[in-house]
Protein backbone atom coordinates (compact mmCIF):
# COMPACT_ATOMS: atom_id res chain seq x y z
CA MET A 1 -45.50 -63.71 50.46
CA ASN A 2 -42.92 -64.59 47.17
CA LEU A 3 -44.82 -62.77 44.92
CA ILE A 4 -45.05 -59.32 47.12
CA VAL A 5 -41.14 -58.98 46.92
CA PHE A 6 -40.86 -59.57 43.28
CA VAL A 7 -43.43 -57.02 42.05
CA PHE A 8 -42.48 -54.43 44.71
CA PRO A 9 -38.87 -54.02 43.79
CA LEU A 10 -40.64 -54.31 40.06
CA PHE A 11 -42.83 -51.27 40.53
CA ILE A 12 -39.82 -48.96 41.81
CA TRP A 13 -37.70 -50.02 38.55
CA LEU A 14 -41.14 -48.30 36.38
CA ALA A 15 -42.29 -45.75 38.20
CA CYS A 16 -38.75 -44.31 38.10
CA GLY A 17 -39.55 -44.12 34.74
CA GLN A 18 -41.84 -41.94 34.73
CA THR A 19 -40.62 -38.98 35.65
CA LYS A 20 -37.77 -36.92 33.61
CA LEU A 21 -36.25 -33.40 34.59
CA VAL A 22 -36.85 -32.08 30.94
CA SER A 23 -36.51 -28.11 32.82
CA LYS A 24 -35.42 -25.67 35.20
CA LYS A 25 -38.13 -25.77 37.19
CA GLU A 26 -40.58 -28.46 36.78
CA PHE A 27 -41.11 -32.02 36.00
CA VAL A 28 -43.16 -34.50 33.41
CA ASP A 29 -45.17 -37.07 35.13
CA VAL A 30 -45.92 -39.90 32.69
CA THR A 31 -47.96 -42.97 33.15
CA ILE A 32 -46.45 -46.47 32.17
CA ALA A 33 -48.42 -47.32 29.88
CA ASP A 34 -45.91 -43.69 27.60
CA THR A 35 -42.45 -44.53 28.94
CA SER A 36 -41.65 -44.11 25.37
CA LYS A 37 -42.70 -40.47 25.14
CA VAL A 38 -40.52 -39.26 28.56
CA TYR A 39 -38.10 -37.86 26.76
CA LEU A 40 -39.45 -34.83 25.48
CA ASP A 41 -37.12 -33.82 22.14
CA THR A 42 -38.22 -29.74 22.45
CA MET A 43 -37.55 -29.56 26.37
CA PRO A 44 -33.86 -27.62 27.35
CA ILE A 45 -31.81 -29.24 29.13
CA PRO A 46 -31.19 -27.82 32.54
CA LYS A 47 -27.29 -27.38 33.43
CA SER A 48 -25.28 -29.93 36.06
CA ALA A 49 -26.92 -29.37 39.46
CA GLY A 50 -25.21 -27.16 41.98
CA GLU A 51 -22.67 -26.20 39.14
CA LYS A 52 -21.32 -22.36 40.03
CA PHE A 53 -19.66 -19.98 37.90
CA THR A 54 -17.01 -17.50 38.14
CA VAL A 55 -15.70 -14.83 36.05
CA ASP A 56 -13.14 -16.59 34.73
CA TYR A 57 -15.57 -18.98 33.57
CA VAL A 58 -17.18 -16.33 31.81
CA MET A 59 -13.57 -15.01 30.36
CA GLY A 60 -12.94 -18.51 29.05
CA HIS A 61 -9.80 -19.31 31.45
CA PHE A 62 -9.88 -23.14 31.56
CA ASP A 63 -9.48 -26.26 28.90
CA PRO A 64 -12.24 -27.50 27.77
CA ALA A 65 -10.65 -30.95 27.18
CA THR A 66 -10.29 -31.39 30.69
CA HIS A 67 -13.60 -29.87 31.54
CA PRO A 68 -16.03 -31.91 33.83
CA ASP A 69 -18.68 -30.27 32.25
CA PHE A 70 -17.27 -30.32 28.32
CA THR A 71 -17.43 -33.06 25.59
CA ILE A 72 -16.22 -33.40 22.96
CA VAL A 73 -17.83 -33.22 19.34
CA ASP A 74 -18.83 -35.93 17.08
CA ILE A 75 -17.70 -35.33 13.70
CA LYS A 76 -21.23 -36.51 12.53
CA TYR A 77 -22.45 -32.93 13.96
CA ALA A 78 -19.80 -30.50 13.09
CA ASP A 79 -16.90 -29.44 10.06
CA ARG A 80 -13.81 -31.04 11.34
CA GLU A 81 -12.73 -33.00 14.67
CA GLY A 82 -11.54 -31.19 17.86
CA LEU A 83 -14.70 -29.35 18.47
CA TYR A 84 -16.22 -29.06 22.28
CA LEU A 85 -19.54 -28.16 24.16
CA ARG A 86 -20.94 -28.03 27.34
CA LYS A 87 -22.51 -31.64 28.01
CA ASP A 88 -26.37 -30.15 28.69
CA THR A 89 -25.50 -27.57 25.29
CA TYR A 90 -24.05 -30.86 23.66
CA GLU A 91 -27.37 -32.96 24.12
CA ALA A 92 -29.54 -29.82 23.35
CA PHE A 93 -27.92 -29.61 19.77
CA ARG A 94 -28.55 -33.59 18.91
CA ARG A 95 -32.02 -33.38 19.58
CA MET A 96 -32.45 -30.23 17.52
CA TYR A 97 -30.30 -32.13 14.42
CA ASP A 98 -32.31 -35.21 14.43
CA ARG A 99 -35.27 -32.80 14.92
CA ALA A 100 -34.07 -30.42 12.04
CA LEU A 101 -33.26 -33.66 9.61
CA LYS A 102 -36.50 -35.23 9.75
CA ASP A 103 -37.49 -31.30 8.16
CA GLY A 104 -34.48 -32.19 5.65
CA ILE A 105 -32.25 -29.41 7.21
CA ARG A 106 -28.87 -30.42 8.02
CA LEU A 107 -27.05 -28.02 10.68
CA GLN A 108 -23.38 -28.75 11.21
CA ILE A 109 -21.30 -27.00 13.15
CA LYS A 110 -18.41 -24.69 11.97
CA SER A 111 -17.10 -23.32 15.25
CA ALA A 112 -17.76 -24.25 18.93
CA THR A 113 -15.83 -23.52 22.55
CA ARG A 114 -13.16 -21.38 21.87
CA ASN A 115 -11.27 -20.27 25.58
CA PHE A 116 -9.03 -17.06 26.18
CA GLU A 117 -5.95 -18.73 24.94
CA TYR A 118 -7.68 -19.92 21.37
CA GLN A 119 -9.01 -16.36 21.46
CA LYS A 120 -6.25 -14.81 22.21
CA GLY A 121 -4.22 -16.66 19.07
CA ILE A 122 -6.81 -15.30 16.72
CA TRP A 123 -7.11 -11.37 18.11
CA GLU A 124 -3.02 -11.61 18.54
CA ALA A 125 -2.33 -12.39 14.31
CA LYS A 126 -4.65 -9.64 13.11
CA TRP A 127 -3.46 -6.82 16.09
CA THR A 128 0.44 -7.60 14.91
CA GLY A 129 -0.50 -8.17 11.01
CA GLU A 130 0.27 -11.85 11.11
CA LYS A 131 -3.28 -12.00 9.34
CA LEU A 132 -4.51 -9.63 6.79
CA ILE A 133 -8.00 -8.17 7.05
CA GLU A 134 -9.91 -8.31 4.76
CA GLY A 135 -6.72 -10.00 3.01
CA SER A 136 -4.76 -7.47 2.19
CA GLU A 137 -4.68 -4.83 5.47
CA ASP A 138 -2.26 -4.88 8.07
CA LEU A 139 -3.83 -3.17 10.91
CA SER A 140 0.07 -2.81 12.79
CA LYS A 141 1.15 -0.51 9.61
CA THR A 142 -2.49 1.21 8.50
CA THR A 143 -4.34 1.55 11.85
CA PRO A 144 -1.97 2.68 14.91
CA ASP A 145 -4.81 3.92 17.06
CA PRO A 146 -5.43 1.28 19.27
CA LYS A 147 -8.97 1.99 20.24
CA GLU A 148 -9.65 2.32 16.03
CA ARG A 149 -7.26 -0.74 15.81
CA ALA A 150 -9.72 -2.78 18.25
CA LEU A 151 -12.93 -1.49 16.37
CA LYS A 152 -11.38 -2.64 13.07
CA ILE A 153 -10.56 -6.44 14.79
CA LEU A 154 -14.40 -6.45 15.88
CA ARG A 155 -15.76 -6.37 12.92
CA TYR A 156 -14.71 -9.96 12.43
CA SER A 157 -13.49 -11.24 15.77
CA SER A 158 -13.86 -11.14 20.47
CA MET A 159 -11.88 -9.83 21.93
CA PRO A 160 -10.21 -12.74 24.57
CA GLY A 161 -12.16 -12.80 27.44
CA THR A 162 -15.26 -11.19 25.95
CA SER A 163 -16.25 -13.87 24.08
CA ARG A 164 -19.38 -15.97 24.01
CA HIS A 165 -17.47 -18.82 22.74
CA HIS A 166 -15.97 -19.12 25.68
CA TRP A 167 -18.56 -20.45 27.67
CA GLY A 168 -19.42 -23.65 25.43
CA THR A 169 -23.00 -22.70 24.58
CA ASP A 170 -22.38 -20.92 21.84
CA MET A 171 -22.19 -22.53 17.71
CA ASP A 172 -21.59 -21.16 14.54
CA LEU A 173 -23.68 -23.15 12.40
CA ASN A 174 -23.31 -24.01 8.63
CA SER A 175 -21.30 -20.29 7.53
CA LEU A 176 -20.02 -17.58 8.27
CA GLU A 177 -21.35 -15.74 5.81
CA ASN A 178 -24.54 -13.54 6.13
CA SER A 179 -25.51 -13.61 2.26
CA TRP A 180 -25.24 -17.52 2.17
CA PHE A 181 -28.83 -17.40 4.25
CA ASP A 182 -30.54 -15.13 1.94
CA SER A 183 -31.62 -17.83 -0.62
CA GLY A 184 -31.91 -21.16 -1.22
CA ASP A 185 -30.59 -23.70 1.31
CA GLY A 186 -29.07 -21.57 4.00
CA LEU A 187 -32.51 -19.04 3.73
CA LYS A 188 -34.68 -22.37 4.51
CA LEU A 189 -31.69 -23.25 7.55
CA PHE A 190 -32.41 -19.81 8.79
CA ASN A 191 -35.94 -19.49 8.84
CA TRP A 192 -36.70 -23.06 10.04
CA LEU A 193 -34.37 -22.01 13.48
CA LYS A 194 -35.80 -18.62 13.29
CA GLN A 195 -39.44 -21.05 14.45
CA HIS A 196 -37.81 -24.37 16.16
CA ALA A 197 -34.50 -23.01 17.45
CA THR A 198 -36.20 -21.71 20.78
CA GLU A 199 -38.55 -24.55 21.54
CA PHE A 200 -34.68 -26.54 22.03
CA GLY A 201 -33.15 -23.63 24.03
CA PHE A 202 -31.67 -21.92 22.12
CA CYS A 203 -31.18 -18.32 20.39
CA GLN A 204 -29.87 -15.50 17.75
CA PRO A 205 -27.55 -13.01 20.04
CA TYR A 206 -26.28 -10.70 16.89
CA THR A 207 -29.48 -9.77 15.20
CA SER A 208 -29.86 -6.73 13.51
CA GLY A 209 -31.38 -4.06 14.26
CA ARG A 210 -29.38 -3.95 18.13
CA PRO A 211 -27.55 -0.53 19.02
CA ASN A 212 -24.41 -2.00 19.99
CA GLY A 213 -22.34 -4.47 19.64
CA TYR A 214 -21.27 -7.22 16.41
CA LEU A 215 -23.32 -7.04 13.47
CA GLU A 216 -25.90 -9.53 12.55
CA GLU A 217 -24.65 -13.39 12.50
CA LYS A 218 -27.17 -15.46 10.63
CA TRP A 219 -25.32 -18.18 11.88
CA HIS A 220 -24.06 -17.36 15.82
CA TRP A 221 -26.88 -19.59 18.13
CA SER A 222 -26.37 -19.40 21.55
CA TYR A 223 -28.03 -22.28 24.57
CA MET A 224 -30.01 -20.15 26.56
CA PRO A 225 -30.55 -22.17 29.61
CA VAL A 226 -27.16 -21.16 30.76
CA SER A 227 -26.04 -18.68 28.67
CA VAL A 228 -28.59 -16.77 30.26
CA GLU A 229 -27.22 -16.97 33.86
CA LEU A 230 -23.75 -16.48 32.21
CA THR A 231 -24.30 -13.15 30.70
CA LYS A 232 -25.87 -11.89 34.10
CA LEU A 233 -22.94 -12.83 35.62
CA ALA A 234 -21.72 -11.15 33.55
CA GLU A 235 -23.56 -7.77 34.03
CA LYS A 236 -22.83 -8.06 36.82
CA GLN A 237 -19.29 -8.69 38.14
CA LEU A 238 -17.11 -8.65 34.77
CA LYS A 239 -15.58 -5.06 34.36
CA ASN A 240 -13.51 -3.98 31.50
CA GLU A 241 -10.28 -3.41 33.60
CA MET A 242 -10.64 -7.10 33.13
CA ILE A 243 -10.05 -7.26 30.15
CA THR A 244 -5.91 -8.31 29.98
CA GLY A 245 -3.23 -10.75 28.81
CA PHE A 246 -2.80 -9.51 25.69
CA LYS A 247 -1.51 -7.52 22.92
CA GLY A 248 -3.71 -4.65 22.75
CA SER A 249 -5.95 -5.34 25.71
CA GLU A 250 -5.76 -2.12 26.49
CA SER A 251 -8.45 -0.45 24.57
CA ALA A 252 -10.89 -2.42 26.26
CA VAL A 253 -11.36 0.22 28.89
CA MET A 254 -11.72 2.10 25.47
CA ILE A 255 -14.16 0.91 23.51
CA ASP A 256 -16.49 0.13 26.85
CA VAL A 257 -16.08 -3.29 25.82
CA VAL A 258 -18.46 -4.97 28.59
CA LYS A 259 -20.95 -2.92 27.43
CA ASN A 260 -21.08 -2.20 23.64
CA TYR A 261 -20.19 -6.11 23.11
CA VAL A 262 -20.26 -8.39 26.11
CA LEU A 263 -24.39 -7.60 25.94
CA GLY A 264 -24.63 -6.07 23.47
CA ILE A 265 -27.42 -9.28 22.22
CA ASN A 266 -30.76 -10.13 21.30
CA GLU A 267 -32.89 -9.22 23.78
CA ASP A 268 -34.57 -12.25 23.91
CA CYS A 269 -31.33 -13.94 24.48
CA VAL A 270 -31.56 -12.74 28.30
CA ARG A 271 -34.64 -13.68 29.17
CA GLU A 272 -35.38 -17.02 30.94
């Protein structure tokens, strides 16, 4: 009788280690002999169970430093301290980082979550001429028309309330210059991402050849197990008229910023 009492809890403990959630819809069963292989490096991590997103979340109206689903990025993975990502996105990135490192590729996060207020600071600095475009152009003087001024800024920066960087699912990797990815280490890294990033749930939203939105960004990668849902929420509920609270916001309607920029992404990044 004593033997049965001892073995039963041990069996329960081992059995609990046999099955781990590795995607949104399915489990992988592993025998006791294979417990060391429970965590599959290439399986996307699901978002927090029962988490409900809102339009305010899509628009970046929260502080990632205090949001329960966000975590700070270790300096090991970034070019500076103080960056934040969603926990699920961060875990998936770390798995991708480890796999890339084995192949001689070192991924480095250069930009991660930027909430509404952060993006507002970037946008208004360019809108008012405090920050010059291309190092020399003061848009407040050269481009008085609000639509044209907004379009010029959108070559470089997202409008507050419309950036995928609000979501905690998107990151910029290694360089913010497309030319860096055209040769040498940059080309090697980009080819690796094109081949392997989807295995970890990541997609390049701003590819070449799209009819609308931002120019190609070879550095920008998005965690699809969460960002697909947020993109669909934006498509259904985010309206141009909601994009307010910063200088030049009247241009959102003129440009149809939701259709052309928020939704103007690589079609592969909206497929579950």
